[in-house]
Amino acid sequence: MQAGIHPEYHEIKVTCSCGATFETRSTNSKPLTIEVCSACHPFYTGKQKILDTAGRVEKFKNKYASTATKAKAKADKAAAAAATDAAA
């Protein structure tokens, strides 16, 4: 690394609105306040909910579940036909 061209990293304290705090390194030397951290974000806590006002998620699941069911039924029918042909 070349000397004199890289910014200096400082230890800073990060505080979340939920009250969680941790330390990290940054080129910013001031303490940092954030709104959401990994301790309170719904994705990381497992409390994420899917908002579905028009039934889109259910419609998607039904559409592709029926496609998979149809494909399985078609494969089963073909296998039964092949077994019948082999037995004859």
C-alpha atoms as a PDB file:
ATOM      1  CA  MET A   1       0.000   0.000   0.000  1.00  0.00           C
ATOM      2  CA  GLN A   2       1.183   3.466  -0.780  1.00  0.00           C
ATOM      3  CA  ALA A   3       1.725   5.724   2.193  1.00  0.00           C
ATOM      4  CA  GLY A   4      -0.322   8.881   2.566  1.00  0.00           C
ATOM      5  CA  ILE A   5      -3.200   8.122   0.156  1.00  0.00           C
ATOM      6  CA  HIS A   6      -5.474   5.937   2.298  1.00  0.00           C
ATOM      7  CA  PRO A   7      -7.961   7.373   4.797  1.00  0.00           C
ATOM      8  CA  GLU A   8      -7.474   6.609   8.462  1.00  0.00           C
ATOM      9  CA  TYR A   9      -9.911   4.251  10.140  1.00  0.00           C
ATOM     10  CA  HIS A  10     -11.212   5.112  13.574  1.00  0.00           C
ATOM     11  CA  GLU A  11     -13.068   2.967  16.114  1.00  0.00           C
ATOM     12  CA  ILE A  12     -16.616   4.358  16.338  1.00  0.00           C
ATOM     13  CA  LYS A  13     -19.661   3.443  18.422  1.00  0.00           C
ATOM     14  CA  VAL A  14     -22.852   2.602  16.501  1.00  0.00           C
ATOM     15  CA  THR A  15     -26.167   2.974  18.349  1.00  0.00           C
ATOM     16  CA  CYS A  16     -29.464   1.635  16.999  1.00  0.00           C
ATOM     17  CA  SER A  17     -32.880   3.088  17.779  1.00  0.00           C
ATOM     18  CA  CYS A  18     -33.736  -0.220  19.524  1.00  0.00           C
ATOM     19  CA  GLY A  19     -30.918   0.387  22.011  1.00  0.00           C
ATOM     20  CA  ALA A  20     -28.367  -2.090  20.662  1.00  0.00           C
ATOM     21  CA  THR A  21     -24.807  -0.792  20.438  1.00  0.00           C
ATOM     22  CA  PHE A  22     -21.655  -2.118  18.839  1.00  0.00           C
ATOM     23  CA  GLU A  23     -18.282  -0.840  17.763  1.00  0.00           C
ATOM     24  CA  THR A  24     -16.876  -0.844  14.272  1.00  0.00           C
ATOM     25  CA  ARG A  25     -14.241   0.919  12.254  1.00  0.00           C
ATOM     26  CA  SER A  26     -14.963   3.765   9.868  1.00  0.00           C
ATOM     27  CA  THR A  27     -13.355   6.717   8.139  1.00  0.00           C
ATOM     28  CA  ASN A  28     -15.963   8.807   9.947  1.00  0.00           C
ATOM     29  CA  SER A  29     -14.649   9.635  13.418  1.00  0.00           C
ATOM     30  CA  LYS A  30     -18.035  10.571  14.934  1.00  0.00           C
ATOM     31  CA  PRO A  31     -20.440   8.155  16.680  1.00  0.00           C
ATOM     32  CA  LEU A  32     -23.138   6.821  14.365  1.00  0.00           C
ATOM     33  CA  THR A  33     -26.888   6.460  15.074  1.00  0.00           C
ATOM     34  CA  ILE A  34     -28.911   4.066  12.910  1.00  0.00           C
ATOM     35  CA  GLU A  35     -32.618   3.193  12.738  1.00  0.00           C
ATOM     36  CA  VAL A  36     -32.457  -0.578  12.131  1.00  0.00           C
ATOM     37  CA  CYS A  37     -29.788  -3.128  13.031  1.00  0.00           C
ATOM     38  CA  SER A  38     -29.492  -6.897  12.788  1.00  0.00           C
ATOM     39  CA  ALA A  39     -30.889  -7.226  16.325  1.00  0.00           C
ATOM     40  CA  CYS A  40     -34.214  -5.564  15.450  1.00  0.00           C
ATOM     41  CA  HIS A  41     -34.619  -5.988  11.671  1.00  0.00           C
ATOM     42  CA  PRO A  42     -37.608  -8.262  10.898  1.00  0.00           C
ATOM     43  CA  PHE A  43     -35.658 -10.298   8.328  1.00  0.00           C
ATOM     44  CA  TYR A  44     -32.974 -11.280  10.834  1.00  0.00           C
ATOM     45  CA  THR A  45     -35.309 -11.781  13.788  1.00  0.00           C
ATOM     46  CA  GLY A  46     -37.672 -14.075  11.863  1.00  0.00           C
ATOM     47  CA  LYS A  47     -40.678 -11.824  12.388  1.00  0.00           C
ATOM     48  CA  GLN A  48     -40.986 -10.718   8.771  1.00  0.00           C
ATOM     49  CA  LYS A  49     -44.534 -10.858   7.467  1.00  0.00           C
ATOM     50  CA  ILE A  50     -45.642 -10.851   3.870  1.00  0.00           C
ATOM     51  CA  LEU A  51     -48.191  -8.132   3.233  1.00  0.00           C
ATOM     52  CA  ASP A  52     -50.554  -9.427   0.601  1.00  0.00           C
ATOM     53  CA  THR A  53     -53.529  -7.163   0.076  1.00  0.00           C
ATOM     54  CA  ALA A  54     -54.742  -8.498  -3.263  1.00  0.00           C
ATOM     55  CA  GLY A  55     -54.116 -12.219  -2.735  1.00  0.00           C
ATOM     56  CA  ARG A  56     -51.118 -12.206  -5.102  1.00  0.00           C
ATOM     57  CA  VAL A  57     -49.003 -14.590  -3.060  1.00  0.00           C
ATOM     58  CA  GLU A  58     -51.811 -17.102  -2.690  1.00  0.00           C
ATOM     59  CA  LYS A  59     -52.630 -16.824  -6.397  1.00  0.00           C
ATOM     60  CA  PHE A  60     -48.965 -17.470  -7.251  1.00  0.00           C
ATOM     61  CA  LYS A  61     -48.792 -20.493  -4.947  1.00  0.00           C
ATOM     62  CA  ASN A  62     -52.010 -21.940  -6.371  1.00  0.00           C
ATOM     63  CA  LYS A  63     -50.896 -21.376  -9.960  1.00  0.00           C
ATOM     64  CA  TYR A  64     -47.558 -23.112  -9.592  1.00  0.00           C
ATOM     65  CA  ALA A  65     -48.778 -25.774  -7.186  1.00  0.00           C
ATOM     66  CA  SER A  66     -51.337 -26.860  -9.769  1.00  0.00           C
ATOM     67  CA  THR A  67     -48.640 -26.919 -12.469  1.00  0.00           C
ATOM     68  CA  ALA A  68     -46.463 -29.191 -10.343  1.00  0.00           C
ATOM     69  CA  THR A  69     -49.437 -31.407  -9.547  1.00  0.00           C
ATOM     70  CA  LYS A  70     -50.372 -31.648 -13.236  1.00  0.00           C
ATOM     71  CA  ALA A  71     -46.787 -32.518 -14.198  1.00  0.00           C
ATOM     72  CA  LYS A  72     -46.629 -35.240 -11.534  1.00  0.00           C
ATOM     73  CA  ALA A  73     -49.949 -36.704 -12.653  1.00  0.00           C
ATOM     74  CA  LYS A  74     -48.777 -36.693 -16.273  1.00  0.00           C
ATOM     75  CA  ALA A  75     -45.519 -38.441 -15.308  1.00  0.00           C
ATOM     76  CA  ASP A  76     -47.413 -41.051 -13.268  1.00  0.00           C
ATOM     77  CA  LYS A  77     -49.773 -41.705 -16.178  1.00  0.00           C
ATOM     78  CA  ALA A  78     -46.854 -42.108 -18.588  1.00  0.00           C
ATOM     79  CA  ALA A  79     -45.118 -44.502 -16.187  1.00  0.00           C
ATOM     80  CA  ALA A  80     -48.291 -46.578 -15.828  1.00  0.00           C
ATOM     81  CA  ALA A  81     -48.697 -46.721 -19.625  1.00  0.00           C
ATOM     82  CA  ALA A  82     -45.071 -47.808 -20.042  1.00  0.00           C
ATOM     83  CA  ALA A  83     -45.545 -50.533 -17.414  1.00  0.00           C
ATOM     84  CA  THR A  84     -48.674 -51.757 -19.178  1.00  0.00           C
ATOM     85  CA  ASP A  85     -46.859 -51.867 -22.538  1.00  0.00           C
ATOM     86  CA  ALA A  86     -43.927 -53.731 -21.007  1.00  0.00           C
ATOM     87  CA  ALA A  87     -46.240 -56.307 -19.424  1.00  0.00           C
ATOM     88  CA  ALA A  88     -48.004 -56.998 -22.745  1.00  0.00           C
END
